[in-house]
Amino acid sequence: MNTNSSSGQITILLAVSILFSFGFNAVRSDGLPLIASKQIVEGGRSAADSLISETTMLFQPVMIDLSIAKEFFDRGVLFVDARDEKEFRDGHIAGAKLAPANPGEILKWTTEDDPVVTYCGGGECDLSMALAVELMGEDWAFSKVFVFDGGLPEWKDARYPVD
C-alpha cells in the first residue's frame, strides 16, 4: 500500500468534508454562527430573582444587562471593578471594590456562594469576563458570578450612583 497516496486521499476527503459542512451550514436558515455572539441576560426583578436563587446553578459567568445589574446593586450584591487602580480612583460604581491581584482576596468581602458582579469599561473591555472566569475556576470556585457588559459607561449614562 502506498502511504503517500493514502495520506493524499485522506487530506482530499477531509477538505471536501469541511467545505461541504461549511457550505451546508451557510445555506441552512437555522445554521450555526461561525463566531459566537454575546448572550446577555435581560430583565428586571424576576430575572434577578431567578439568577440569584439558591437553586440556580451556574457553570460559567452570565452576562447581564443594566436592569439586572441595578437590581443586584439595590440588593447589596458585591460589584468588583476589573479595571486598573488609576481608572478605579477616577470613578467606579458606588460601593464597588477594586479587583485584587489575588482574586481569593474577594473572600474578605463575600463568600463563594454569594453572587458577585464584575465589570470594567464596557463595550470591548474583556477584563470583567476574564476575572469572572477566574473566579468560577477551580482555584476559587465562586458559584454565581455575573458580568455587567455595559460596565461603568452604561452605569454612568443611566445616572446611577458612582464614587
N, C-alpha and C. Protein backbone atom coordinates (compact mmCIF):
# COMPACT_ATOMS: atom_id res chain seq x y z
N MET A 1 0.83 -1.18 0.00
CA MET A 1 0.00 0.00 0.00
C MET A 1 0.88 1.24 0.00
N ASN A 2 0.56 2.20 -0.82
CA ASN A 2 1.33 3.42 -0.95
C ASN A 2 0.84 4.44 0.09
N THR A 3 1.70 4.78 1.06
CA THR A 3 1.28 5.69 2.13
C THR A 3 1.09 7.11 1.63
N ASN A 4 1.88 7.54 0.64
CA ASN A 4 1.69 8.89 0.09
C ASN A 4 0.31 9.02 -0.55
N SER A 5 -0.11 7.99 -1.26
CA SER A 5 -1.42 8.00 -1.90
C SER A 5 -2.53 8.01 -0.86
N SER A 6 -2.37 7.22 0.20
CA SER A 6 -3.39 7.15 1.25
C SER A 6 -3.52 8.47 2.00
N SER A 7 -2.40 9.08 2.35
CA SER A 7 -2.46 10.35 3.08
C SER A 7 -3.01 11.45 2.19
N GLY A 8 -2.71 11.41 0.91
CA GLY A 8 -3.27 12.39 -0.02
C GLY A 8 -4.78 12.24 -0.14
N GLN A 9 -5.25 11.00 -0.20
CA GLN A 9 -6.69 10.76 -0.29
C GLN A 9 -7.40 11.21 0.98
N ILE A 10 -6.78 10.95 2.11
CA ILE A 10 -7.37 11.37 3.39
C ILE A 10 -7.46 12.89 3.44
N THR A 11 -6.41 13.57 3.00
CA THR A 11 -6.40 15.04 3.00
C THR A 11 -7.51 15.59 2.11
N ILE A 12 -7.64 15.02 0.91
CA ILE A 12 -8.68 15.47 -0.02
C ILE A 12 -10.06 15.21 0.57
N LEU A 13 -10.27 14.02 1.13
CA LEU A 13 -11.56 13.67 1.72
C LEU A 13 -11.90 14.62 2.88
N LEU A 14 -10.91 14.92 3.70
CA LEU A 14 -11.11 15.83 4.82
C LEU A 14 -11.47 17.24 4.31
N ALA A 15 -10.75 17.73 3.32
CA ALA A 15 -11.01 19.06 2.77
C ALA A 15 -12.42 19.13 2.17
N VAL A 16 -12.82 18.11 1.43
CA VAL A 16 -14.15 18.09 0.83
C VAL A 16 -15.22 18.06 1.93
N SER A 17 -14.98 17.29 2.98
CA SER A 17 -15.94 17.22 4.09
C SER A 17 -16.11 18.57 4.78
N ILE A 18 -15.00 19.24 5.00
CA ILE A 18 -15.05 20.55 5.66
C ILE A 18 -15.79 21.55 4.78
N LEU A 19 -15.45 21.59 3.50
CA LEU A 19 -16.13 22.51 2.58
C LEU A 19 -17.62 22.22 2.52
N PHE A 20 -17.99 20.96 2.45
CA PHE A 20 -19.40 20.58 2.41
C PHE A 20 -20.11 21.03 3.69
N SER A 21 -19.46 20.81 4.83
CA SER A 21 -20.07 21.18 6.12
C SER A 21 -20.31 22.68 6.21
N PHE A 22 -19.29 23.47 5.88
CA PHE A 22 -19.45 24.92 5.93
C PHE A 22 -20.49 25.39 4.92
N GLY A 23 -20.47 24.83 3.74
CA GLY A 23 -21.45 25.20 2.71
C GLY A 23 -22.86 24.87 3.14
N PHE A 24 -23.07 23.69 3.67
CA PHE A 24 -24.40 23.27 4.13
C PHE A 24 -24.88 24.17 5.26
N ASN A 25 -23.98 24.49 6.19
CA ASN A 25 -24.33 25.37 7.31
C ASN A 25 -24.71 26.76 6.80
N ALA A 26 -24.02 27.24 5.78
CA ALA A 26 -24.27 28.59 5.25
C ALA A 26 -25.64 28.71 4.60
N VAL A 27 -26.12 27.65 3.95
CA VAL A 27 -27.40 27.74 3.24
C VAL A 27 -28.60 27.40 4.12
N ARG A 28 -28.37 26.81 5.27
CA ARG A 28 -29.47 26.49 6.18
C ARG A 28 -30.01 27.76 6.82
N SER A 29 -31.31 27.85 6.96
CA SER A 29 -31.90 29.02 7.61
C SER A 29 -31.59 29.05 9.11
N ASP A 30 -31.34 27.89 9.69
CA ASP A 30 -31.02 27.81 11.12
C ASP A 30 -29.57 27.39 11.34
N GLY A 31 -28.68 27.80 10.43
CA GLY A 31 -27.27 27.43 10.54
C GLY A 31 -26.62 28.01 11.78
N LEU A 32 -25.55 27.39 12.21
CA LEU A 32 -24.83 27.85 13.39
C LEU A 32 -23.92 29.01 13.04
N PRO A 33 -23.81 30.01 13.92
CA PRO A 33 -22.89 31.11 13.64
C PRO A 33 -21.45 30.62 13.75
N LEU A 34 -20.58 31.12 12.89
CA LEU A 34 -19.18 30.72 12.94
C LEU A 34 -18.44 31.41 14.08
N ILE A 35 -18.93 32.57 14.47
CA ILE A 35 -18.35 33.29 15.59
C ILE A 35 -19.45 33.47 16.63
N ALA A 36 -19.17 33.03 17.85
CA ALA A 36 -20.18 33.12 18.91
C ALA A 36 -20.48 34.58 19.22
N SER A 37 -21.73 34.89 19.42
CA SER A 37 -22.11 36.24 19.79
C SER A 37 -22.34 36.30 21.30
N LYS A 38 -22.30 37.51 21.83
CA LYS A 38 -22.54 37.69 23.26
C LYS A 38 -23.99 37.35 23.57
N GLN A 39 -24.20 36.63 24.64
CA GLN A 39 -25.54 36.34 25.12
C GLN A 39 -25.69 37.08 26.45
N ILE A 40 -26.51 38.11 26.45
CA ILE A 40 -26.70 38.91 27.65
C ILE A 40 -28.11 38.67 28.18
N VAL A 41 -28.19 38.29 29.45
CA VAL A 41 -29.50 38.08 30.08
C VAL A 41 -30.10 39.44 30.38
N GLU A 42 -31.33 39.62 29.94
CA GLU A 42 -32.03 40.89 30.15
C GLU A 42 -33.20 40.67 31.09
N GLY A 43 -33.66 41.73 31.68
CA GLY A 43 -34.82 41.62 32.55
C GLY A 43 -34.70 42.53 33.73
N GLY A 44 -35.53 42.33 34.67
CA GLY A 44 -35.52 43.15 35.87
C GLY A 44 -35.57 42.29 37.09
N ARG A 45 -36.53 42.58 37.95
CA ARG A 45 -36.62 41.92 39.25
C ARG A 45 -36.79 40.41 39.13
N SER A 46 -37.70 39.93 38.27
CA SER A 46 -37.94 38.48 38.20
C SER A 46 -36.72 37.74 37.65
N ALA A 47 -36.04 38.35 36.67
CA ALA A 47 -34.83 37.72 36.14
C ALA A 47 -33.75 37.68 37.22
N ALA A 48 -33.62 38.76 37.97
CA ALA A 48 -32.64 38.81 39.05
C ALA A 48 -32.96 37.76 40.11
N ASP A 49 -34.25 37.65 40.46
CA ASP A 49 -34.66 36.63 41.45
C ASP A 49 -34.23 35.24 40.99
N SER A 50 -34.48 34.95 39.74
CA SER A 50 -34.16 33.63 39.20
C SER A 50 -32.65 33.39 39.19
N LEU A 51 -31.88 34.40 38.80
CA LEU A 51 -30.43 34.23 38.69
C LEU A 51 -29.75 34.01 40.04
N ILE A 52 -30.23 34.66 41.09
CA ILE A 52 -29.55 34.51 42.38
C ILE A 52 -30.27 33.55 43.32
N SER A 53 -31.24 32.85 42.81
CA SER A 53 -31.94 31.85 43.61
C SER A 53 -30.95 30.80 44.12
N GLU A 54 -31.19 30.29 45.31
CA GLU A 54 -30.31 29.27 45.88
C GLU A 54 -30.27 28.01 45.04
N THR A 55 -31.31 27.76 44.27
CA THR A 55 -31.35 26.54 43.46
C THR A 55 -30.73 26.72 42.09
N THR A 56 -30.40 27.94 41.71
CA THR A 56 -29.79 28.18 40.41
C THR A 56 -28.32 27.78 40.46
N MET A 57 -27.92 26.93 39.53
CA MET A 57 -26.51 26.53 39.43
C MET A 57 -25.94 27.10 38.15
N LEU A 58 -24.84 27.82 38.26
CA LEU A 58 -24.17 28.38 37.10
C LEU A 58 -22.88 27.62 36.86
N PHE A 59 -22.59 27.37 35.60
CA PHE A 59 -21.36 26.66 35.25
C PHE A 59 -20.37 27.56 34.55
N GLN A 60 -20.81 28.76 34.24
CA GLN A 60 -19.95 29.77 33.64
C GLN A 60 -20.53 31.13 33.99
N PRO A 61 -19.72 32.19 33.88
CA PRO A 61 -20.25 33.52 34.18
C PRO A 61 -21.42 33.86 33.25
N VAL A 62 -22.37 34.63 33.76
CA VAL A 62 -23.54 35.04 32.99
C VAL A 62 -23.46 36.55 32.77
N MET A 63 -23.59 36.96 31.51
CA MET A 63 -23.58 38.37 31.18
C MET A 63 -24.97 38.95 31.45
N ILE A 64 -25.00 40.09 32.13
CA ILE A 64 -26.28 40.72 32.48
C ILE A 64 -26.37 42.13 31.91
N ASP A 65 -27.60 42.60 31.76
CA ASP A 65 -27.82 43.94 31.25
C ASP A 65 -27.93 44.93 32.41
N LEU A 66 -28.14 46.19 32.06
CA LEU A 66 -28.20 47.27 33.05
C LEU A 66 -29.31 47.06 34.08
N SER A 67 -30.49 46.63 33.64
CA SER A 67 -31.60 46.50 34.59
C SER A 67 -31.32 45.44 35.65
N ILE A 68 -30.70 44.34 35.26
CA ILE A 68 -30.37 43.31 36.25
C ILE A 68 -29.22 43.79 37.14
N ALA A 69 -28.24 44.46 36.54
CA ALA A 69 -27.13 45.00 37.34
C ALA A 69 -27.67 45.95 38.41
N LYS A 70 -28.60 46.81 38.04
CA LYS A 70 -29.17 47.75 39.01
C LYS A 70 -29.96 47.02 40.09
N GLU A 71 -30.69 45.99 39.70
CA GLU A 71 -31.44 45.20 40.67
C GLU A 71 -30.48 44.54 41.67
N PHE A 72 -29.38 43.97 41.17
CA PHE A 72 -28.38 43.37 42.05
C PHE A 72 -27.77 44.44 42.97
N PHE A 73 -27.46 45.61 42.42
CA PHE A 73 -26.90 46.71 43.20
C PHE A 73 -27.84 47.07 44.35
N ASP A 74 -29.12 47.20 44.02
CA ASP A 74 -30.11 47.56 45.05
C ASP A 74 -30.23 46.50 46.14
N ARG A 75 -29.86 45.27 45.82
CA ARG A 75 -29.92 44.17 46.80
C ARG A 75 -28.61 44.00 47.57
N GLY A 76 -27.64 44.85 47.29
CA GLY A 76 -26.38 44.79 48.02
C GLY A 76 -25.40 43.75 47.52
N VAL A 77 -25.56 43.28 46.28
CA VAL A 77 -24.62 42.32 45.71
C VAL A 77 -23.27 43.02 45.52
N LEU A 78 -22.18 42.30 45.76
CA LEU A 78 -20.84 42.84 45.61
C LEU A 78 -20.52 43.07 44.13
N PHE A 79 -20.06 44.30 43.81
CA PHE A 79 -19.57 44.63 42.48
C PHE A 79 -18.05 44.74 42.56
N VAL A 80 -17.36 44.12 41.60
CA VAL A 80 -15.90 44.15 41.57
C VAL A 80 -15.46 44.76 40.24
N ASP A 81 -14.69 45.83 40.33
CA ASP A 81 -14.20 46.55 39.16
C ASP A 81 -12.91 45.90 38.68
N ALA A 82 -12.89 45.43 37.44
CA ALA A 82 -11.73 44.72 36.90
C ALA A 82 -10.71 45.66 36.26
N ARG A 83 -10.99 46.95 36.24
CA ARG A 83 -10.06 47.90 35.62
C ARG A 83 -8.86 48.14 36.53
N ASP A 84 -7.89 48.93 36.06
CA ASP A 84 -6.71 49.18 36.89
C ASP A 84 -7.02 50.22 37.98
N GLU A 85 -6.08 50.35 38.90
CA GLU A 85 -6.29 51.20 40.08
C GLU A 85 -6.53 52.66 39.72
N LYS A 86 -5.81 53.19 38.73
CA LYS A 86 -5.99 54.59 38.34
C LYS A 86 -7.41 54.82 37.82
N GLU A 87 -7.88 53.94 36.95
CA GLU A 87 -9.24 54.08 36.43
C GLU A 87 -10.27 53.96 37.55
N PHE A 88 -10.00 53.07 38.49
CA PHE A 88 -10.90 52.89 39.63
C PHE A 88 -10.97 54.18 40.45
N ARG A 89 -9.81 54.79 40.73
CA ARG A 89 -9.78 56.03 41.50
C ARG A 89 -10.49 57.17 40.78
N ASP A 90 -10.47 57.14 39.44
CA ASP A 90 -11.13 58.18 38.66
C ASP A 90 -12.65 58.06 38.68
N GLY A 91 -13.17 56.95 39.18
CA GLY A 91 -14.61 56.76 39.30
C GLY A 91 -14.99 55.31 39.12
N HIS A 92 -15.96 54.88 39.91
CA HIS A 92 -16.42 53.49 39.86
C HIS A 92 -17.85 53.42 40.40
N ILE A 93 -18.50 52.29 40.16
CA ILE A 93 -19.84 52.08 40.68
C ILE A 93 -19.79 52.19 42.20
N ALA A 94 -20.72 52.93 42.76
CA ALA A 94 -20.73 53.17 44.21
C ALA A 94 -20.63 51.87 44.99
N GLY A 95 -19.68 51.84 45.92
CA GLY A 95 -19.51 50.67 46.78
C GLY A 95 -18.72 49.53 46.16
N ALA A 96 -18.36 49.65 44.89
CA ALA A 96 -17.61 48.57 44.23
C ALA A 96 -16.21 48.46 44.83
N LYS A 97 -15.66 47.28 44.73
CA LYS A 97 -14.29 47.04 45.18
C LYS A 97 -13.40 46.88 43.96
N LEU A 98 -12.15 47.32 44.09
CA LEU A 98 -11.17 47.12 43.04
C LEU A 98 -10.73 45.66 43.07
N ALA A 99 -10.69 45.03 41.91
CA ALA A 99 -10.27 43.62 41.85
C ALA A 99 -8.86 43.50 42.41
N PRO A 100 -8.67 42.64 43.41
CA PRO A 100 -7.34 42.46 43.99
C PRO A 100 -6.45 41.64 43.05
N ALA A 101 -5.14 41.75 43.26
CA ALA A 101 -4.20 40.97 42.45
C ALA A 101 -4.46 39.48 42.62
N ASN A 102 -4.82 39.09 43.83
CA ASN A 102 -5.17 37.70 44.11
C ASN A 102 -6.68 37.62 44.27
N PRO A 103 -7.39 37.05 43.28
CA PRO A 103 -8.85 37.02 43.35
C PRO A 103 -9.41 36.38 44.62
N GLY A 104 -8.64 35.55 45.28
CA GLY A 104 -9.10 34.93 46.51
C GLY A 104 -9.36 35.94 47.61
N GLU A 105 -8.75 37.12 47.48
CA GLU A 105 -8.96 38.17 48.48
C GLU A 105 -10.39 38.70 48.47
N ILE A 106 -11.13 38.41 47.41
CA ILE A 106 -12.54 38.81 47.35
C ILE A 106 -13.31 38.15 48.49
N LEU A 107 -12.79 37.05 49.00
CA LEU A 107 -13.44 36.36 50.12
C LEU A 107 -13.45 37.21 51.39
N LYS A 108 -12.67 38.29 51.42
CA LYS A 108 -12.74 39.22 52.56
C LYS A 108 -14.07 39.97 52.56
N TRP A 109 -14.70 40.07 51.38
CA TRP A 109 -15.91 40.87 51.24
C TRP A 109 -17.18 40.04 51.09
N THR A 110 -17.05 38.77 50.75
CA THR A 110 -18.21 37.93 50.48
C THR A 110 -17.82 36.46 50.59
N THR A 111 -18.75 35.56 50.34
CA THR A 111 -18.44 34.13 50.34
C THR A 111 -18.52 33.61 48.91
N GLU A 112 -18.03 32.39 48.71
CA GLU A 112 -18.05 31.78 47.37
C GLU A 112 -19.48 31.49 46.89
N ASP A 113 -20.44 31.44 47.81
CA ASP A 113 -21.82 31.14 47.43
C ASP A 113 -22.66 32.39 47.16
N ASP A 114 -22.15 33.54 47.53
CA ASP A 114 -22.89 34.78 47.28
C ASP A 114 -22.64 35.27 45.86
N PRO A 115 -23.62 35.94 45.26
CA PRO A 115 -23.41 36.45 43.90
C PRO A 115 -22.37 37.57 43.88
N VAL A 116 -21.65 37.65 42.78
CA VAL A 116 -20.65 38.69 42.55
C VAL A 116 -20.85 39.21 41.13
N VAL A 117 -20.78 40.53 40.96
CA VAL A 117 -20.86 41.13 39.63
C VAL A 117 -19.51 41.75 39.31
N THR A 118 -18.95 41.38 38.17
CA THR A 118 -17.72 42.01 37.70
C THR A 118 -18.08 42.98 36.58
N TYR A 119 -17.28 44.02 36.44
CA TYR A 119 -17.50 44.97 35.35
C TYR A 119 -16.18 45.66 35.03
N CYS A 120 -16.15 46.32 33.88
CA CYS A 120 -14.98 47.11 33.51
C CYS A 120 -15.44 48.31 32.70
N GLY A 121 -14.74 48.62 31.62
CA GLY A 121 -15.05 49.81 30.84
C GLY A 121 -16.14 49.64 29.81
N GLY A 122 -16.81 48.49 29.80
CA GLY A 122 -17.91 48.24 28.87
C GLY A 122 -17.42 48.02 27.45
N GLY A 123 -18.35 47.75 26.55
CA GLY A 123 -18.02 47.58 25.14
C GLY A 123 -17.05 46.44 24.88
N GLU A 124 -15.88 46.80 24.41
CA GLU A 124 -14.88 45.80 24.02
C GLU A 124 -13.98 45.36 25.18
N CYS A 125 -14.20 45.87 26.37
CA CYS A 125 -13.36 45.51 27.52
C CYS A 125 -13.65 44.07 27.95
N ASP A 126 -12.62 43.24 27.97
CA ASP A 126 -12.77 41.83 28.35
C ASP A 126 -12.27 41.53 29.76
N LEU A 127 -11.80 42.55 30.47
CA LEU A 127 -11.23 42.32 31.80
C LEU A 127 -12.24 41.72 32.76
N SER A 128 -13.49 42.18 32.69
CA SER A 128 -14.51 41.68 33.62
C SER A 128 -14.82 40.21 33.36
N MET A 129 -14.84 39.81 32.09
CA MET A 129 -15.10 38.40 31.78
C MET A 129 -13.91 37.54 32.21
N ALA A 130 -12.70 38.02 31.98
CA ALA A 130 -11.52 37.26 32.40
C ALA A 130 -11.52 37.05 33.92
N LEU A 131 -11.85 38.10 34.67
CA LEU A 131 -11.93 37.98 36.13
C LEU A 131 -13.04 37.01 36.53
N ALA A 132 -14.19 37.11 35.89
CA ALA A 132 -15.32 36.23 36.21
C ALA A 132 -14.97 34.77 35.96
N VAL A 133 -14.32 34.50 34.85
CA VAL A 133 -13.91 33.12 34.53
C VAL A 133 -12.94 32.62 35.59
N GLU A 134 -12.01 33.47 36.00
CA GLU A 134 -11.05 33.07 37.03
C GLU A 134 -11.76 32.79 38.36
N LEU A 135 -12.73 33.61 38.72
CA LEU A 135 -13.45 33.41 39.98
C LEU A 135 -14.24 32.11 39.99
N MET A 136 -14.73 31.69 38.83
CA MET A 136 -15.50 30.45 38.77
C MET A 136 -14.63 29.23 38.50
N GLY A 137 -13.33 29.45 38.35
CA GLY A 137 -12.41 28.35 38.07
C GLY A 137 -12.16 27.48 39.29
N GLU A 138 -11.33 26.49 39.10
CA GLU A 138 -11.04 25.51 40.16
C GLU A 138 -10.44 26.13 41.41
N ASP A 139 -9.59 27.15 41.23
CA ASP A 139 -8.89 27.73 42.38
C ASP A 139 -9.82 28.44 43.35
N TRP A 140 -10.88 29.10 42.84
CA TRP A 140 -11.72 29.91 43.72
C TRP A 140 -13.14 29.40 43.82
N ALA A 141 -13.67 28.82 42.78
CA ALA A 141 -14.98 28.14 42.80
C ALA A 141 -16.14 29.00 43.30
N PHE A 142 -16.15 30.28 42.93
CA PHE A 142 -17.34 31.09 43.21
C PHE A 142 -18.47 30.51 42.38
N SER A 143 -19.67 30.46 42.94
CA SER A 143 -20.74 29.74 42.25
C SER A 143 -21.68 30.63 41.44
N LYS A 144 -21.72 31.92 41.72
CA LYS A 144 -22.63 32.82 40.99
C LYS A 144 -21.90 34.11 40.64
N VAL A 145 -21.31 34.11 39.46
CA VAL A 145 -20.56 35.28 39.00
C VAL A 145 -21.24 35.84 37.75
N PHE A 146 -21.48 37.13 37.77
CA PHE A 146 -22.17 37.80 36.67
C PHE A 146 -21.27 38.90 36.11
N VAL A 147 -21.37 39.12 34.82
CA VAL A 147 -20.58 40.15 34.15
C VAL A 147 -21.54 41.22 33.64
N PHE A 148 -21.38 42.43 34.15
CA PHE A 148 -22.18 43.56 33.67
C PHE A 148 -21.52 44.09 32.41
N ASP A 149 -22.09 43.74 31.28
CA ASP A 149 -21.48 44.02 29.98
C ASP A 149 -21.36 45.51 29.69
N GLY A 150 -22.31 46.31 30.11
CA GLY A 150 -22.27 47.75 29.82
C GLY A 150 -21.20 48.49 30.60
N GLY A 151 -20.77 47.90 31.70
CA GLY A 151 -19.71 48.49 32.50
C GLY A 151 -20.03 49.88 33.03
N LEU A 152 -18.98 50.54 33.48
CA LEU A 152 -19.13 51.86 34.08
C LEU A 152 -19.76 52.89 33.13
N PRO A 153 -19.41 52.92 31.84
CA PRO A 153 -20.04 53.92 30.97
C PRO A 153 -21.57 53.83 30.93
N GLU A 154 -22.11 52.64 30.79
CA GLU A 154 -23.57 52.49 30.75
C GLU A 154 -24.19 52.85 32.11
N TRP A 155 -23.51 52.48 33.18
CA TRP A 155 -23.98 52.80 34.53
C TRP A 155 -24.06 54.32 34.72
N LYS A 156 -23.00 55.01 34.31
CA LYS A 156 -22.97 56.47 34.44
C LYS A 156 -24.02 57.13 33.54
N ASP A 157 -24.19 56.61 32.32
CA ASP A 157 -25.19 57.16 31.41
C ASP A 157 -26.60 57.09 32.00
N ALA A 158 -26.84 56.06 32.81
CA ALA A 158 -28.15 55.89 33.46
C ALA A 158 -28.26 56.76 34.73
N ARG A 159 -27.18 57.45 35.05
CA ARG A 159 -27.11 58.31 36.24
C ARG A 159 -27.30 57.54 37.54
N TYR A 160 -26.76 56.33 37.56
CA TYR A 160 -26.79 55.52 38.77
C TYR A 160 -25.61 55.92 39.66
N PRO A 161 -25.64 55.57 40.94
CA PRO A 161 -24.62 56.05 41.88
C PRO A 161 -23.19 55.61 41.53
N VAL A 162 -22.28 56.58 41.61
CA VAL A 162 -20.86 56.33 41.41
C VAL A 162 -20.07 56.98 42.53
N ASP A 163 -18.91 56.46 42.78
CA ASP A 163 -17.97 57.05 43.75
C ASP A 163 -16.78 57.60 42.98
